[in-house]
Every structure is written in structure tokens, then in C-alpha cells.
């Protein structure tokens, strides 16, 4: 394969990689809670990842504290 053919192959692979990454970020934006609408700009890549990270941490903390609440209720009723 010529140098130009190799370069074209590398470029195509990179375009596909970036397309897949952008599609995954769009999917992530669709499921994390934030203000959607025409007047709201699309989140940047880093903002999307940070918001998703914070949302996951919040969900873990909520689950953790809810489990303690349930344990307390079970102990109270037994």
C-alpha cells in the first residue's frame, strides 16, 4: 500500500472513531439529567463527562444512604 493509501486508511479509521465517540456522547447526553431545549446549548464533551460522573456519584450516595434508612426501618419494625 502506498503512503497515500496508508494515510487515507488512517484518516478513515480516525473519522470512524470520532463518529463513534460523538455518537456515544450524544447517547450519554440523552440520558443524564440536564436542561434540554432550543435555548440551551449542547453540553461540551468534558461537561458531559463531568455531569455524568457527578450524576453517578450522586446515585451511589443516594443508594448508600437509602440502604441505611431501610436497615433502620427494618430494625424499628422488628
Protein backbone atom coordinates (compact mmCIF):
# COMPACT_ATOMS: atom_id res chain seq x y z
CA UNK A 1 0.00 0.00 0.00
CA UNK A 2 1.33 3.44 -0.88
CA UNK A 3 1.99 6.17 1.67
CA UNK A 4 -1.10 7.99 0.45
CA UNK A 5 -3.20 4.82 0.79
CA UNK A 6 -1.93 4.28 4.34
CA UNK A 7 -2.69 7.90 5.21
CA UNK A 8 -6.23 7.61 3.77
CA UNK A 9 -6.80 4.42 5.75
CA UNK A 10 -5.59 6.07 8.97
CA UNK A 11 -7.79 9.12 8.32
CA UNK A 12 -10.85 6.93 7.68
CA UNK A 13 -10.23 4.96 10.86
CA UNK A 14 -9.91 8.22 12.85
CA UNK A 15 -13.11 9.65 11.34
CA UNK A 16 -14.97 6.46 12.29
CA UNK A 17 -13.51 6.59 15.81
CA UNK A 18 -14.56 10.21 16.27
CA UNK A 19 -18.02 9.49 14.86
CA UNK A 20 -18.44 6.61 17.34
CA UNK A 21 -17.21 8.78 20.22
CA UNK A 22 -19.55 11.65 19.33
CA UNK A 23 -22.47 9.25 18.97
CA UNK A 24 -21.72 7.77 22.40
CA UNK A 25 -21.56 11.25 23.93
CA UNK A 26 -24.90 12.15 22.31
CA UNK A 27 -26.40 8.98 23.81
CA UNK A 28 -24.98 9.94 27.22
CA UNK A 29 -26.38 13.48 26.93
CA UNK A 30 -29.79 11.97 26.21
CA UNK A 31 -29.92 10.01 29.48
CA UNK A 32 -28.28 12.31 32.03
CA UNK A 33 -30.49 14.94 33.63
CA UNK A 34 -29.82 18.48 32.47
CA UNK A 35 -31.85 21.25 30.87
CA UNK A 36 -32.71 20.37 27.29
CA UNK A 37 -34.27 22.80 24.87
CA UNK A 38 -33.77 25.11 21.93
CA UNK A 39 -32.36 27.91 24.08
CA UNK A 40 -29.85 25.63 25.85
CA UNK A 41 -26.54 24.90 24.15
CA UNK A 42 -25.39 21.33 23.74
CA UNK A 43 -23.01 20.27 26.52
CA UNK A 44 -19.35 20.05 25.58
CA UNK A 45 -17.61 16.69 25.70
CA UNK A 46 -15.89 17.43 29.01
CA UNK A 47 -19.06 18.92 30.53
CA UNK A 48 -21.00 15.81 29.51
CA UNK A 49 -18.45 13.51 31.13
CA UNK A 50 -18.24 15.60 34.32
CA UNK A 51 -22.02 15.79 34.62
CA UNK A 52 -22.31 12.03 34.09
CA UNK A 53 -19.61 11.39 36.70
CA UNK A 54 -21.35 13.64 39.23
CA UNK A 55 -24.70 12.03 38.48
CA UNK A 56 -23.24 8.55 39.07
CA UNK A 57 -21.66 9.69 42.35
CA UNK A 58 -24.99 11.17 43.45
CA UNK A 59 -26.81 7.94 42.60
CA UNK A 60 -24.26 5.87 44.54
CA UNK A 61 -24.61 8.14 47.59
CA UNK A 62 -28.39 8.03 47.40
CA UNK A 63 -28.36 4.25 47.21
CA UNK A 64 -25.92 4.05 50.11
CA UNK A 65 -27.99 6.30 52.37
CA UNK A 66 -31.26 4.66 51.35
CA UNK A 67 -29.86 1.28 52.35
CA UNK A 68 -29.12 2.65 55.83
CA UNK A 69 -32.61 4.08 56.03
CA UNK A 70 -34.12 0.71 55.09
CA UNK A 71 -31.96 -1.07 57.67
CA UNK A 72 -33.13 1.40 60.34
CA UNK A 73 -36.76 0.86 59.35
CA UNK A 74 -36.37 -2.91 59.46
CA UNK A 75 -34.78 -2.71 62.90
CA UNK A 76 -37.54 -0.39 64.10
CA UNK A 77 -40.31 -2.73 62.92
CA UNK A 78 -38.72 -5.91 64.25
